[in-house]
């Protein structure tokens, strides 16, 4: 699913998409309708328009909901309820950002995350 932006924002809010270390925007199209899962079937890849495309991490069955982990593009999650309702067997119990993900989960997502998140991790590692 190809992503596109409909406008830049001056800060984060409950409908914002993080598109850089300190940058947020609104996505258009179906992107804002894709829900969070702690066991997502999709990841994200930043495209040339600085929007996120959704890329399948595994085969997606007919009628299966397309999902991604909000931590794949957000360093922190500031505007969501504390409890996660995704129902995945490996649910973290809360919708958390990249900052709070365990190292094994980060490795499992590979390159299908926002590049600025990988850069932040590299900087923190020294």
PDB file of N, CA and C in Angstrom:
ATOM      1  N   UNK A   1       0.859  -1.157   0.000  1.00  0.00           N
ATOM      2  CA  UNK A   1       0.000   0.000   0.000  1.00  0.00           C
ATOM      3  C   UNK A   1       0.911   1.227   0.000  1.00  0.00           C
ATOM      4  N   UNK A   2       0.739   2.073  -0.959  1.00  0.00           N
ATOM      5  CA  UNK A   2       1.571   3.263  -1.106  1.00  0.00           C
ATOM      6  C   UNK A   2       1.034   4.401  -0.246  1.00  0.00           C
ATOM      7  N   UNK A   3       1.923   5.009   0.514  1.00  0.00           N
ATOM      8  CA  UNK A   3       1.540   6.114   1.380  1.00  0.00           C
ATOM      9  C   UNK A   3       1.765   7.461   0.723  1.00  0.00           C
ATOM     10  N   UNK A   4       0.991   8.441   1.154  1.00  0.00           N
ATOM     11  CA  UNK A   4       1.214   9.825   0.733  1.00  0.00           C
ATOM     12  C   UNK A   4       0.807  10.754   1.863  1.00  0.00           C
ATOM     13  N   UNK A   5       1.436  11.918   1.885  1.00  0.00           N
ATOM     14  CA  UNK A   5       1.176  12.901   2.932  1.00  0.00           C
ATOM     15  C   UNK A   5       0.200  13.950   2.440  1.00  0.00           C
ATOM     16  N   UNK A   6      -0.627  14.449   3.359  1.00  0.00           N
ATOM     17  CA  UNK A   6      -1.573  15.509   3.013  1.00  0.00           C
ATOM     18  C   UNK A   6      -1.268  16.806   3.743  1.00  0.00           C
ATOM     19  N   UNK A   7      -0.252  16.812   4.584  1.00  0.00           N
ATOM     20  CA  UNK A   7       0.112  18.057   5.243  1.00  0.00           C
ATOM     21  C   UNK A   7       1.078  17.857   6.380  1.00  0.00           C
ATOM     22  N   UNK A   8       1.985  18.803   6.515  1.00  0.00           N
ATOM     23  CA  UNK A   8       2.947  18.789   7.619  1.00  0.00           C
ATOM     24  C   UNK A   8       2.278  19.332   8.874  1.00  0.00           C
ATOM     25  N   UNK A   9       2.793  18.936  10.022  1.00  0.00           N
ATOM     26  CA  UNK A   9       2.282  19.410  11.302  1.00  0.00           C
ATOM     27  C   UNK A   9       3.410  20.062  12.077  1.00  0.00           C
ATOM     28  N   UNK A  10       3.054  20.926  13.001  1.00  0.00           N
ATOM     29  CA  UNK A  10       4.070  21.586  13.825  1.00  0.00           C
ATOM     30  C   UNK A  10       4.430  20.764  15.049  1.00  0.00           C
ATOM     31  N   UNK A  11       3.673  19.694  15.320  1.00  0.00           N
ATOM     32  CA  UNK A  11       3.958  18.839  16.469  1.00  0.00           C
ATOM     33  C   UNK A  11       3.164  17.567  16.404  1.00  0.00           C
ATOM     34  N   UNK A  12       3.335  16.740  17.395  1.00  0.00           N
ATOM     35  CA  UNK A  12       2.676  15.450  17.471  1.00  0.00           C
ATOM     36  C   UNK A  12       1.267  15.610  18.025  1.00  0.00           C
ATOM     37  N   UNK A  13       0.345  14.784  17.525  1.00  0.00           N
ATOM     38  CA  UNK A  13      -0.995  14.704  18.092  1.00  0.00           C
ATOM     39  C   UNK A  13      -1.519  13.295  17.853  1.00  0.00           C
ATOM     40  N   UNK A  14      -2.746  13.031  18.228  1.00  0.00           N
ATOM     41  CA  UNK A  14      -3.283  11.670  18.174  1.00  0.00           C
ATOM     42  C   UNK A  14      -3.466  11.137  16.756  1.00  0.00           C
ATOM     43  N   UNK A  15      -3.462  11.991  15.757  1.00  0.00           N
ATOM     44  CA  UNK A  15      -3.622  11.533  14.372  1.00  0.00           C
ATOM     45  C   UNK A  15      -2.375  11.800  13.530  1.00  0.00           C
ATOM     46  N   UNK A  16      -1.310  12.183  14.188  1.00  0.00           N
ATOM     47  CA  UNK A  16      -0.064  12.503  13.478  1.00  0.00           C
ATOM     48  C   UNK A  16       0.724  11.233  13.173  1.00  0.00           C
ATOM     49  N   UNK A  17       1.511  11.312  12.121  1.00  0.00           N
ATOM     50  CA  UNK A  17       2.461  10.266  11.766  1.00  0.00           C
ATOM     51  C   UNK A  17       3.849  10.851  11.913  1.00  0.00           C
ATOM     52  N   UNK A  18       4.700  10.191  12.667  1.00  0.00           N
ATOM     53  CA  UNK A  18       6.083  10.654  12.762  1.00  0.00           C
ATOM     54  C   UNK A  18       6.760  10.333  11.438  1.00  0.00           C
ATOM     55  N   UNK A  19       7.392  11.344  10.826  1.00  0.00           N
ATOM     56  CA  UNK A  19       8.059  11.172   9.531  1.00  0.00           C
ATOM     57  C   UNK A  19       9.538  11.543   9.595  1.00  0.00           C
ATOM     58  N   UNK A  20      10.031  11.874  10.768  1.00  0.00           N
ATOM     59  CA  UNK A  20      11.432  12.212  10.998  1.00  0.00           C
ATOM     60  C   UNK A  20      11.656  12.316  12.491  1.00  0.00           C
ATOM     61  N   UNK A  21      12.892  12.528  12.876  1.00  0.00           N
ATOM     62  CA  UNK A  21      13.198  12.603  14.316  1.00  0.00           C
ATOM     63  C   UNK A  21      12.280  13.559  15.054  1.00  0.00           C
ATOM     64  N   UNK A  22      12.085  14.737  14.500  1.00  0.00           N
ATOM     65  CA  UNK A  22      11.240  15.761  15.119  1.00  0.00           C
ATOM     66  C   UNK A  22      10.235  16.312  14.115  1.00  0.00           C
ATOM     67  N   UNK A  23       9.688  15.444  13.281  1.00  0.00           N
ATOM     68  CA  UNK A  23       8.756  15.888  12.246  1.00  0.00           C
ATOM     69  C   UNK A  23       7.532  14.973  12.218  1.00  0.00           C
ATOM     70  N   UNK A  24       6.366  15.589  12.064  1.00  0.00           N
ATOM     71  CA  UNK A  24       5.106  14.860  12.004  1.00  0.00           C
ATOM     72  C   UNK A  24       4.297  15.385  10.842  1.00  0.00           C
ATOM     73  N   UNK A  25       3.427  14.549  10.313  1.00  0.00           N
ATOM     74  CA  UNK A  25       2.577  14.925   9.185  1.00  0.00           C
ATOM     75  C   UNK A  25       1.303  14.092   9.244  1.00  0.00           C
ATOM     76  N   UNK A  26       0.373  14.428   8.376  1.00  0.00           N
ATOM     77  CA  UNK A  26      -0.845  13.640   8.198  1.00  0.00           C
ATOM     78  C   UNK A  26      -0.673  12.793   6.942  1.00  0.00           C
ATOM     79  N   UNK A  27      -1.003  11.522   7.072  1.00  0.00           N
ATOM     80  CA  UNK A  27      -1.043  10.632   5.915  1.00  0.00           C
ATOM     81  C   UNK A  27      -2.430  10.704   5.304  1.00  0.00           C
ATOM     82  N   UNK A  28      -2.497  10.490   4.012  1.00  0.00           N
ATOM     83  CA  UNK A  28      -3.775  10.431   3.317  1.00  0.00           C
ATOM     84  C   UNK A  28      -4.100   9.001   2.920  1.00  0.00           C
ATOM     85  N   UNK A  29      -5.182   8.835   2.187  1.00  0.00           N
ATOM     86  CA  UNK A  29      -5.567   7.524   1.681  1.00  0.00           C
ATOM     87  C   UNK A  29      -5.948   6.559   2.784  1.00  0.00           C
ATOM     88  N   UNK A  30      -5.606   5.295   2.574  1.00  0.00           N
ATOM     89  CA  UNK A  30      -5.965   4.257   3.540  1.00  0.00           C
ATOM     90  C   UNK A  30      -4.981   4.136   4.698  1.00  0.00           C
ATOM     91  N   UNK A  31      -3.812   4.748   4.591  1.00  0.00           N
ATOM     92  CA  UNK A  31      -2.792   4.643   5.630  1.00  0.00           C
ATOM     93  C   UNK A  31      -3.294   4.902   7.037  1.00  0.00           C
ATOM     94  N   UNK A  32      -4.067   5.961   7.266  1.00  0.00           N
ATOM     95  CA  UNK A  32      -4.552   6.234   8.617  1.00  0.00           C
ATOM     96  C   UNK A  32      -5.538   5.182   9.147  1.00  0.00           C
ATOM     97  N   UNK A  33      -6.033   4.317   8.282  1.00  0.00           N
ATOM     98  CA  UNK A  33      -6.998   3.287   8.694  1.00  0.00           C
ATOM     99  C   UNK A  33      -6.313   1.995   9.141  1.00  0.00           C
ATOM    100  N   UNK A  34      -4.989   1.894   8.943  1.00  0.00           N
ATOM    101  CA  UNK A  34      -4.270   0.671   9.304  1.00  0.00           C
ATOM    102  C   UNK A  34      -4.039   0.666  10.820  1.00  0.00           C
ATOM    103  N   UNK A  35      -4.507  -0.382  11.463  1.00  0.00           N
ATOM    104  CA  UNK A  35      -4.443  -0.476  12.919  1.00  0.00           C
ATOM    105  C   UNK A  35      -3.130  -1.076  13.414  1.00  0.00           C
ATOM    106  N   UNK A  36      -2.884  -0.852  14.687  1.00  0.00           N
ATOM    107  CA  UNK A  36      -1.719  -1.392  15.380  1.00  0.00           C
ATOM    108  C   UNK A  36      -1.917  -2.866  15.712  1.00  0.00           C
ATOM    109  N   UNK A  37      -0.827  -3.610  15.668  1.00  0.00           N
ATOM    110  CA  UNK A  37      -0.770  -4.958  16.232  1.00  0.00           C
ATOM    111  C   UNK A  37       0.628  -5.175  16.775  1.00  0.00           C
ATOM    112  N   UNK A  38       0.716  -5.891  17.888  1.00  0.00           N
ATOM    113  CA  UNK A  38       2.026  -6.269  18.431  1.00  0.00           C
ATOM    114  C   UNK A  38       2.630  -7.423  17.635  1.00  0.00           C
ATOM    115  N   UNK A  39       1.847  -8.043  16.744  1.00  0.00           N
ATOM    116  CA  UNK A  39       2.313  -9.090  15.831  1.00  0.00           C
ATOM    117  C   UNK A  39       1.826  -8.724  14.433  1.00  0.00           C
ATOM    118  N   UNK A  40       2.394  -7.660  13.844  1.00  0.00           N
ATOM    119  CA  UNK A  40       1.870  -7.113  12.595  1.00  0.00           C
ATOM    120  C   UNK A  40       2.192  -7.969  11.374  1.00  0.00           C
ATOM    121  N   UNK A  41       1.301  -7.900  10.380  1.00  0.00           N
ATOM    122  CA  UNK A  41       1.583  -8.585   9.121  1.00  0.00           C
ATOM    123  C   UNK A  41       2.296  -7.678   8.130  1.00  0.00           C
ATOM    124  N   UNK A  42       2.426  -6.407   8.444  1.00  0.00           N
ATOM    125  CA  UNK A  42       3.130  -5.453   7.585  1.00  0.00           C
ATOM    126  C   UNK A  42       4.186  -4.684   8.375  1.00  0.00           C
ATOM    127  N   UNK A  43       5.129  -4.145   7.640  1.00  0.00           N
ATOM    128  CA  UNK A  43       6.086  -3.195   8.166  1.00  0.00           C
ATOM    129  C   UNK A  43       5.976  -1.936   7.340  1.00  0.00           C
ATOM    130  N   UNK A  44       6.838  -0.963   7.597  1.00  0.00           N
ATOM    131  CA  UNK A  44       6.787   0.297   6.853  1.00  0.00           C
ATOM    132  C   UNK A  44       8.123   0.568   6.167  1.00  0.00           C
ATOM    133  N   UNK A  45       8.017   1.244   5.047  1.00  0.00           N
ATOM    134  CA  UNK A  45       9.204   1.674   4.307  1.00  0.00           C
ATOM    135  C   UNK A  45       8.955   3.113   3.854  1.00  0.00           C
ATOM    136  N   UNK A  46       9.880   4.002   4.190  1.00  0.00           N
ATOM    137  CA  UNK A  46       9.767   5.406   3.809  1.00  0.00           C
ATOM    138  C   UNK A  46       9.944   5.519   2.299  1.00  0.00           C
ATOM    139  N   UNK A  47       9.023   6.214   1.626  1.00  0.00           N
ATOM    140  CA  UNK A  47       9.127   6.376   0.181  1.00  0.00           C
ATOM    141  C   UNK A  47       9.711   7.746  -0.180  1.00  0.00           C
ATOM    142  N   UNK A  48       9.847   8.016  -1.475  1.00  0.00           N
ATOM    143  CA  UNK A  48      10.461   9.260  -1.942  1.00  0.00           C
ATOM    144  C   UNK A  48       9.672  10.509  -1.551  1.00  0.00           C
ATOM    145  N   UNK A  49       8.393  10.350  -1.236  1.00  0.00           N
ATOM    146  CA  UNK A  49       7.554  11.483  -0.832  1.00  0.00           C
ATOM    147  C   UNK A  49       7.598  11.696   0.685  1.00  0.00           C
ATOM    148  N   UNK A  50       8.491  10.953   1.378  1.00  0.00           N
ATOM    149  CA  UNK A  50       8.613  11.010   2.843  1.00  0.00           C
ATOM    150  C   UNK A  50       7.366  10.518   3.553  1.00  0.00           C
ATOM    151  N   UNK A  51       6.609   9.673   2.878  1.00  0.00           N
ATOM    152  CA  UNK A  51       5.453   9.004   3.463  1.00  0.00           C
ATOM    153  C   UNK A  51       5.821   7.535   3.627  1.00  0.00           C
ATOM    154  N   UNK A  52       4.991   6.801   4.354  1.00  0.00           N
ATOM    155  CA  UNK A  52       5.266   5.394   4.573  1.00  0.00           C
ATOM    156  C   UNK A  52       4.412   4.509   3.693  1.00  0.00           C
ATOM    157  N   UNK A  53       5.086   3.575   3.017  1.00  0.00           N
ATOM    158  CA  UNK A  53       4.397   2.498   2.317  1.00  0.00           C
ATOM    159  C   UNK A  53       4.290   1.334   3.290  1.00  0.00           C
ATOM    160  N   UNK A  54       3.216   0.590   3.217  1.00  0.00           N
ATOM    161  CA  UNK A  54       3.062  -0.618   4.019  1.00  0.00           C
ATOM    162  C   UNK A  54       3.522  -1.791   3.180  1.00  0.00           C
ATOM    163  N   UNK A  55       4.414  -2.602   3.744  1.00  0.00           N
ATOM    164  CA  UNK A  55       5.030  -3.723   3.043  1.00  0.00           C
ATOM    165  C   UNK A  55       4.733  -4.987   3.846  1.00  0.00           C
ATOM    166  N   UNK A  56       4.234  -6.017   3.168  1.00  0.00           N
ATOM    167  CA  UNK A  56       3.895  -7.266   3.856  1.00  0.00           C
ATOM    168  C   UNK A  56       5.141  -7.908   4.452  1.00  0.00           C
ATOM    169  N   UNK A  57       5.045  -8.332   5.688  1.00  0.00           N
ATOM    170  CA  UNK A  57       6.110  -9.083   6.365  1.00  0.00           C
ATOM    171  C   UNK A  57       5.913 -10.575   6.182  1.00  0.00           C
ATOM    172  N   UNK A  58       4.708 -10.966   5.831  1.00  0.00           N
ATOM    173  CA  UNK A  58       4.350 -12.366   5.601  1.00  0.00           C
ATOM    174  C   UNK A  58       3.117 -12.376   4.707  1.00  0.00           C
ATOM    175  N   UNK A  59       2.712 -13.562   4.285  1.00  0.00           N
ATOM    176  CA  UNK A  59       1.495 -13.665   3.471  1.00  0.00           C
ATOM    177  C   UNK A  59       0.299 -13.178   4.295  1.00  0.00           C
ATOM    178  N   UNK A  60      -0.570 -12.432   3.639  1.00  0.00           N
ATOM    179  CA  UNK A  60      -1.767 -11.898   4.285  1.00  0.00           C
ATOM    180  C   UNK A  60      -2.970 -12.595   3.665  1.00  0.00           C
ATOM    181  N   UNK A  61      -3.745 -13.260   4.479  1.00  0.00           N
ATOM    182  CA  UNK A  61      -4.891 -14.030   4.004  1.00  0.00           C
ATOM    183  C   UNK A  61      -6.011 -13.111   3.519  1.00  0.00           C
ATOM    184  N   UNK A  62      -6.850 -13.649   2.636  1.00  0.00           N
ATOM    185  CA  UNK A  62      -8.043 -12.922   2.212  1.00  0.00           C
ATOM    186  C   UNK A  62      -8.851 -12.543   3.444  1.00  0.00           C
ATOM    187  N   UNK A  63      -9.337 -11.340   3.484  1.00  0.00           N
ATOM    188  CA  UNK A  63     -10.169 -10.802   4.560  1.00  0.00           C
ATOM    189  C   UNK A  63      -9.411 -10.578   5.870  1.00  0.00           C
ATOM    190  N   UNK A  64      -8.081 -10.786   5.876  1.00  0.00           N
ATOM    191  CA  UNK A  64      -7.307 -10.503   7.080  1.00  0.00           C
ATOM    192  C   UNK A  64      -7.030  -9.003   7.154  1.00  0.00           C
ATOM    193  N   UNK A  65      -7.164  -8.440   8.329  1.00  0.00           N
ATOM    194  CA  UNK A  65      -6.881  -7.021   8.504  1.00  0.00           C
ATOM    195  C   UNK A  65      -5.390  -6.742   8.298  1.00  0.00           C
ATOM    196  N   UNK A  66      -5.089  -5.677   7.577  1.00  0.00           N
ATOM    197  CA  UNK A  66      -3.710  -5.219   7.420  1.00  0.00           C
ATOM    198  C   UNK A  66      -3.342  -4.451   8.679  1.00  0.00           C
ATOM    199  N   UNK A  67      -2.203  -4.820   9.297  1.00  0.00           N
ATOM    200  CA  UNK A  67      -1.772  -4.184  10.542  1.00  0.00           C
ATOM    201  C   UNK A  67      -0.278  -3.885  10.504  1.00  0.00           C
ATOM    202  N   UNK A  68       0.142  -2.964  11.353  1.00  0.00           N
ATOM    203  CA  UNK A  68       1.561  -2.712  11.590  1.00  0.00           C
ATOM    204  C   UNK A  68       1.720  -2.317  13.044  1.00  0.00           C
ATOM    205  N   UNK A  69       2.943  -2.372  13.528  1.00  0.00           N
ATOM    206  CA  UNK A  69       3.235  -1.972  14.900  1.00  0.00           C
ATOM    207  C   UNK A  69       3.533  -0.480  14.873  1.00  0.00           C
ATOM    208  N   UNK A  70       2.774   0.303  15.621  1.00  0.00           N
ATOM    209  CA  UNK A  70       2.990   1.753  15.624  1.00  0.00           C
ATOM    210  C   UNK A  70       4.422   2.116  16.009  1.00  0.00           C
ATOM    211  N   UNK A  71       5.107   1.215  16.717  1.00  0.00           N
ATOM    212  CA  UNK A  71       6.505   1.446  17.081  1.00  0.00           C
ATOM    213  C   UNK A  71       7.416   1.411  15.860  1.00  0.00           C
ATOM    214  N   UNK A  72       6.932   0.954  14.735  1.00  0.00           N
ATOM    215  CA  UNK A  72       7.750   0.906  13.517  1.00  0.00           C
ATOM    216  C   UNK A  72       8.019   2.290  12.937  1.00  0.00           C
ATOM    217  N   UNK A  73       7.287   3.292  13.393  1.00  0.00           N
ATOM    218  CA  UNK A  73       7.520   4.648  12.890  1.00  0.00           C
ATOM    219  C   UNK A  73       7.469   5.723  13.963  1.00  0.00           C
ATOM    220  N   UNK A  74       7.199   5.346  15.210  1.00  0.00           N
ATOM    221  CA  UNK A  74       7.125   6.311  16.294  1.00  0.00           C
ATOM    222  C   UNK A  74       8.119   5.961  17.395  1.00  0.00           C
ATOM    223  N   UNK A  75       8.993   6.891  17.723  1.00  0.00           N
ATOM    224  CA  UNK A  75       9.961   6.661  18.791  1.00  0.00           C
ATOM    225  C   UNK A  75       9.251   6.507  20.126  1.00  0.00           C
ATOM    226  N   UNK A  76       8.286   7.347  20.379  1.00  0.00           N
ATOM    227  CA  UNK A  76       7.436   7.214  21.562  1.00  0.00           C
ATOM    228  C   UNK A  76       5.980   7.303  21.121  1.00  0.00           C
ATOM    229  N   UNK A  77       5.102   6.758  21.921  1.00  0.00           N
ATOM    230  CA  UNK A  77       3.663   6.868  21.680  1.00  0.00           C
ATOM    231  C   UNK A  77       3.115   7.745  22.797  1.00  0.00           C
ATOM    232  N   UNK A  78       2.649   8.912  22.429  1.00  0.00           N
ATOM    233  CA  UNK A  78       2.235   9.888  23.425  1.00  0.00           C
ATOM    234  C   UNK A  78       0.728  10.128  23.489  1.00  0.00           C
ATOM    235  N   UNK A  79      -0.008   9.713  22.466  1.00  0.00           N
ATOM    236  CA  UNK A  79      -1.413  10.109  22.389  1.00  0.00           C
ATOM    237  C   UNK A  79      -2.355   8.934  22.184  1.00  0.00           C
ATOM    238  N   UNK A  80      -2.060   7.791  22.811  1.00  0.00           N
ATOM    239  CA  UNK A  80      -2.928   6.632  22.693  1.00  0.00           C
ATOM    240  C   UNK A  80      -3.250   6.111  24.077  1.00  0.00           C
ATOM    241  N   UNK A  81      -4.360   5.389  24.207  1.00  0.00           N
ATOM    242  CA  UNK A  81      -4.668   4.775  25.505  1.00  0.00           C
ATOM    243  C   UNK A  81      -3.529   3.846  25.925  1.00  0.00           C
ATOM    244  N   UNK A  82      -3.370   3.662  27.194  1.00  0.00           N
ATOM    245  CA  UNK A  82      -2.292   2.834  27.717  1.00  0.00           C
ATOM    246  C   UNK A  82      -2.465   1.374  27.314  1.00  0.00           C
ATOM    247  N   UNK A  83      -3.662   0.830  27.403  1.00  0.00           N
ATOM    248  CA  UNK A  83      -3.890  -0.590  27.131  1.00  0.00           C
ATOM    249  C   UNK A  83      -3.925  -0.868  25.632  1.00  0.00           C
ATOM    250  N   UNK A  84      -3.271  -1.954  25.224  1.00  0.00           N
ATOM    251  CA  UNK A  84      -3.326  -2.418  23.846  1.00  0.00           C
ATOM    252  C   UNK A  84      -4.448  -3.440  23.733  1.00  0.00           C
ATOM    253  N   UNK A  85      -5.205  -3.362  22.667  1.00  0.00           N
ATOM    254  CA  UNK A  85      -6.334  -4.266  22.465  1.00  0.00           C
ATOM    255  C   UNK A  85      -6.146  -5.139  21.234  1.00  0.00           C
ATOM    256  N   UNK A  86      -4.886  -5.316  20.774  1.00  0.00           N
ATOM    257  CA  UNK A  86      -4.660  -6.022  19.509  1.00  0.00           C
ATOM    258  C   UNK A  86      -5.000  -7.501  19.577  1.00  0.00           C
ATOM    259  N   UNK A  87      -4.883  -8.116  20.734  1.00  0.00           N
ATOM    260  CA  UNK A  87      -5.228  -9.518  20.886  1.00  0.00           C
ATOM    261  C   UNK A  87      -4.175 -10.506  20.409  1.00  0.00           C
ATOM    262  N   UNK A  88      -3.007 -10.031  20.011  1.00  0.00           N
ATOM    263  CA  UNK A  88      -1.937 -10.924  19.552  1.00  0.00           C
ATOM    264  C   UNK A  88      -1.416 -11.755  20.710  1.00  0.00           C
ATOM    265  N   UNK A  89      -0.934 -12.969  20.411  1.00  0.00           N
ATOM    266  CA  UNK A  89      -0.380 -13.828  21.463  1.00  0.00           C
ATOM    267  C   UNK A  89       0.807 -13.161  22.158  1.00  0.00           C
ATOM    268  N   UNK A  90       1.561 -12.353  21.405  1.00  0.00           N
ATOM    269  CA  UNK A  90       2.740 -11.684  21.969  1.00  0.00           C
ATOM    270  C   UNK A  90       2.459 -10.212  22.298  1.00  0.00           C
ATOM    271  N   UNK A  91       1.215  -9.894  22.589  1.00  0.00           N
ATOM    272  CA  UNK A  91       0.841  -8.508  22.886  1.00  0.00           C
ATOM    273  C   UNK A  91       1.651  -7.978  24.067  1.00  0.00           C
ATOM    274  N   UNK A  92       2.161  -6.767  23.908  1.00  0.00           N
ATOM    275  CA  UNK A  92       2.936  -6.121  24.967  1.00  0.00           C
ATOM    276  C   UNK A  92       2.053  -5.560  26.077  1.00  0.00           C
ATOM    277  N   UNK A  93       0.746  -5.500  25.846  1.00  0.00           N
ATOM    278  CA  UNK A  93      -0.177  -4.979  26.842  1.00  0.00           C
ATOM    279  C   UNK A  93      -0.370  -3.481  26.758  1.00  0.00           C
ATOM    280  N   UNK A  94       0.511  -2.808  25.996  1.00  0.00           N
ATOM    281  CA  UNK A  94       0.432  -1.352  25.802  1.00  0.00           C
ATOM    282  C   UNK A  94       0.953  -1.025  24.414  1.00  0.00           C
ATOM    283  N   UNK A  95       0.396   0.004  23.819  1.00  0.00           N
ATOM    284  CA  UNK A  95       0.900   0.492  22.534  1.00  0.00           C
ATOM    285  C   UNK A  95       2.113   1.358  22.854  1.00  0.00           C
ATOM    286  N   UNK A  96       3.290   0.829  22.572  1.00  0.00           N
ATOM    287  CA  UNK A  96       4.530   1.514  22.917  1.00  0.00           C
ATOM    288  C   UNK A  96       5.270   1.951  21.663  1.00  0.00           C
ATOM    289  N   UNK A  97       6.205   2.850  21.839  1.00  0.00           N
ATOM    290  CA  UNK A  97       7.041   3.305  20.740  1.00  0.00           C
ATOM    291  C   UNK A  97       8.319   2.489  20.624  1.00  0.00           C
ATOM    292  N   UNK A  98       9.096   2.802  19.597  1.00  0.00           N
ATOM    293  CA  UNK A  98      10.369   2.131  19.315  1.00  0.00           C
ATOM    294  C   UNK A  98      11.289   2.134  20.530  1.00  0.00           C
ATOM    295  N   UNK A  99      11.298   3.250  21.235  1.00  0.00           N
ATOM    296  CA  UNK A  99      12.159   3.415  22.405  1.00  0.00           C
ATOM    297  C   UNK A  99      11.946   2.293  23.419  1.00  0.00           C
ATOM    298  N   UNK A 100      10.731   1.793  23.541  1.00  0.00           N
ATOM    299  CA  UNK A 100      10.393   0.802  24.564  1.00  0.00           C
ATOM    300  C   UNK A 100      10.392  -0.639  24.060  1.00  0.00           C
ATOM    301  N   UNK A 101      10.668  -0.846  22.779  1.00  0.00           N
ATOM    302  CA  UNK A 101      10.655  -2.217  22.252  1.00  0.00           C
ATOM    303  C   UNK A 101      11.865  -3.009  22.723  1.00  0.00           C
ATOM    304  N   UNK A 102      11.668  -4.279  23.011  1.00  0.00           N
ATOM    305  CA  UNK A 102      12.815  -5.130  23.332  1.00  0.00           C
ATOM    306  C   UNK A 102      13.693  -5.333  22.085  1.00  0.00           C
ATOM    307  N   UNK A 103      14.964  -5.583  22.309  1.00  0.00           N
ATOM    308  CA  UNK A 103      15.925  -5.727  21.208  1.00  0.00           C
ATOM    309  C   UNK A 103      15.533  -6.839  20.252  1.00  0.00           C
ATOM    310  N   UNK A 104      14.993  -7.950  20.751  1.00  0.00           N
ATOM    311  CA  UNK A 104      14.628  -9.045  19.854  1.00  0.00           C
ATOM    312  C   UNK A 104      13.491  -8.659  18.922  1.00  0.00           C
ATOM    313  N   UNK A 105      12.560  -7.842  19.384  1.00  0.00           N
ATOM    314  CA  UNK A 105      11.454  -7.377  18.535  1.00  0.00           C
ATOM    315  C   UNK A 105      11.994  -6.431  17.469  1.00  0.00           C
ATOM    316  N   UNK A 106      12.905  -5.543  17.846  1.00  0.00           N
ATOM    317  CA  UNK A 106      13.517  -4.641  16.871  1.00  0.00           C
ATOM    318  C   UNK A 106      14.225  -5.437  15.781  1.00  0.00           C
ATOM    319  N   UNK A 107      14.974  -6.455  16.170  1.00  0.00           N
ATOM    320  CA  UNK A 107      15.673  -7.292  15.184  1.00  0.00           C
ATOM    321  C   UNK A 107      14.680  -8.000  14.268  1.00  0.00           C
ATOM    322  N   UNK A 108      13.574  -8.478  14.819  1.00  0.00           N
ATOM    323  CA  UNK A 108      12.564  -9.187  14.029  1.00  0.00           C
ATOM    324  C   UNK A 108      11.956  -8.290  12.947  1.00  0.00           C
ATOM    325  N   UNK A 109      11.862  -7.001  13.216  1.00  0.00           N
ATOM    326  CA  UNK A 109      11.290  -6.072  12.243  1.00  0.00           C
ATOM    327  C   UNK A 109      12.284  -5.724  11.142  1.00  0.00           C
ATOM    328  N   UNK A 110      13.556  -5.947  11.372  1.00  0.00           N
ATOM    329  CA  UNK A 110      14.571  -5.723  10.336  1.00  0.00           C
ATOM    330  C   UNK A 110      14.544  -4.301   9.806  1.00  0.00           C
ATOM    331  N   UNK A 111      14.541  -4.186   8.489  1.00  0.00           N
ATOM    332  CA  UNK A 111      14.570  -2.874   7.832  1.00  0.00           C
ATOM    333  C   UNK A 111      13.179  -2.295   7.596  1.00  0.00           C
ATOM    334  N   UNK A 112      12.130  -3.011   8.001  1.00  0.00           N
ATOM    335  CA  UNK A 112      10.772  -2.520   7.756  1.00  0.00           C
ATOM    336  C   UNK A 112      10.288  -1.609   8.876  1.00  0.00           C
ATOM    337  N   UNK A 113      11.143  -0.635   9.190  1.00  0.00           N
ATOM    338  CA  UNK A 113      10.844   0.385  10.186  1.00  0.00           C
ATOM    339  C   UNK A 113      11.368   1.717   9.656  1.00  0.00           C
ATOM    340  N   UNK A 114      10.959   2.793  10.301  1.00  0.00           N
ATOM    341  CA  UNK A 114      11.418   4.124   9.901  1.00  0.00           C
ATOM    342  C   UNK A 114      12.931   4.231  10.047  1.00  0.00           C
ATOM    343  N   UNK A 115      13.624   4.736   9.035  1.00  0.00           N
ATOM    344  CA  UNK A 115      15.084   4.815   9.099  1.00  0.00           C
ATOM    345  C   UNK A 115      15.610   5.691  10.228  1.00  0.00           C
ATOM    346  N   UNK A 116      14.877   6.715  10.630  1.00  0.00           N
ATOM    347  CA  UNK A 116      15.350   7.573  11.718  1.00  0.00           C
ATOM    348  C   UNK A 116      15.375   6.818  13.042  1.00  0.00           C
ATOM    349  N   UNK A 117      14.542   5.795  13.198  1.00  0.00           N
ATOM    350  CA  UNK A 117      14.575   4.990  14.417  1.00  0.00           C
ATOM    351  C   UNK A 117      15.862   4.172  14.490  1.00  0.00           C
ATOM    352  N   UNK A 118      16.262   3.608  13.366  1.00  0.00           N
ATOM    353  CA  UNK A 118      17.518   2.856  13.321  1.00  0.00           C
ATOM    354  C   UNK A 118      18.711   3.777  13.570  1.00  0.00           C
ATOM    355  N   UNK A 119      18.636   5.008  13.046  1.00  0.00           N
ATOM    356  CA  UNK A 119      19.718   5.977  13.255  1.00  0.00           C
ATOM    357  C   UNK A 119      19.820   6.360  14.738  1.00  0.00           C
ATOM    358  N   UNK A 120      18.687   6.540  15.388  1.00  0.00           N
ATOM    359  CA  UNK A 120      18.695   6.869  16.823  1.00  0.00           C
ATOM    360  C   UNK A 120      19.321   5.727  17.607  1.00  0.00           C
ATOM    361  N   UNK A 121      18.960   4.496  17.297  1.00  0.00           N
ATOM    362  CA  UNK A 121      19.554   3.349  17.993  1.00  0.00           C
ATOM    363  C   UNK A 121      21.062   3.292  17.774  1.00  0.00           C
ATOM    364  N   UNK A 122      21.505   3.549  16.546  1.00  0.00           N
ATOM    365  CA  UNK A 122      22.934   3.522  16.247  1.00  0.00           C
ATOM    366  C   UNK A 122      23.687   4.587  17.045  1.00  0.00           C
ATOM    367  N   UNK A 123      23.101   5.767  17.154  1.00  0.00           N
ATOM    368  CA  UNK A 123      23.713   6.847  17.926  1.00  0.00           C
ATOM    369  C   UNK A 123      23.793   6.501  19.408  1.00  0.00           C
ATOM    370  N   UNK A 124      22.736   5.881  19.931  1.00  0.00           N
ATOM    371  CA  UNK A 124      22.706   5.526  21.349  1.00  0.00           C
ATOM    372  C   UNK A 124      23.711   4.416  21.673  1.00  0.00           C
ATOM    373  N   UNK A 125      23.986   3.565  20.671  1.00  0.00           N
ATOM    374  CA  UNK A 125      24.935   2.465  20.878  1.00  0.00           C
ATOM    375  C   UNK A 125      26.367   2.967  20.877  1.00  0.00           C
ATOM    376  N   UNK A 126      26.572   4.177  20.397  1.00  0.00           N
ATOM    377  CA  UNK A 126      27.891   4.790  20.456  1.00  0.00           C
ATOM    378  C   UNK A 126      28.567   4.798  19.173  1.00  0.00           C
TER     379      UNK A 126
END
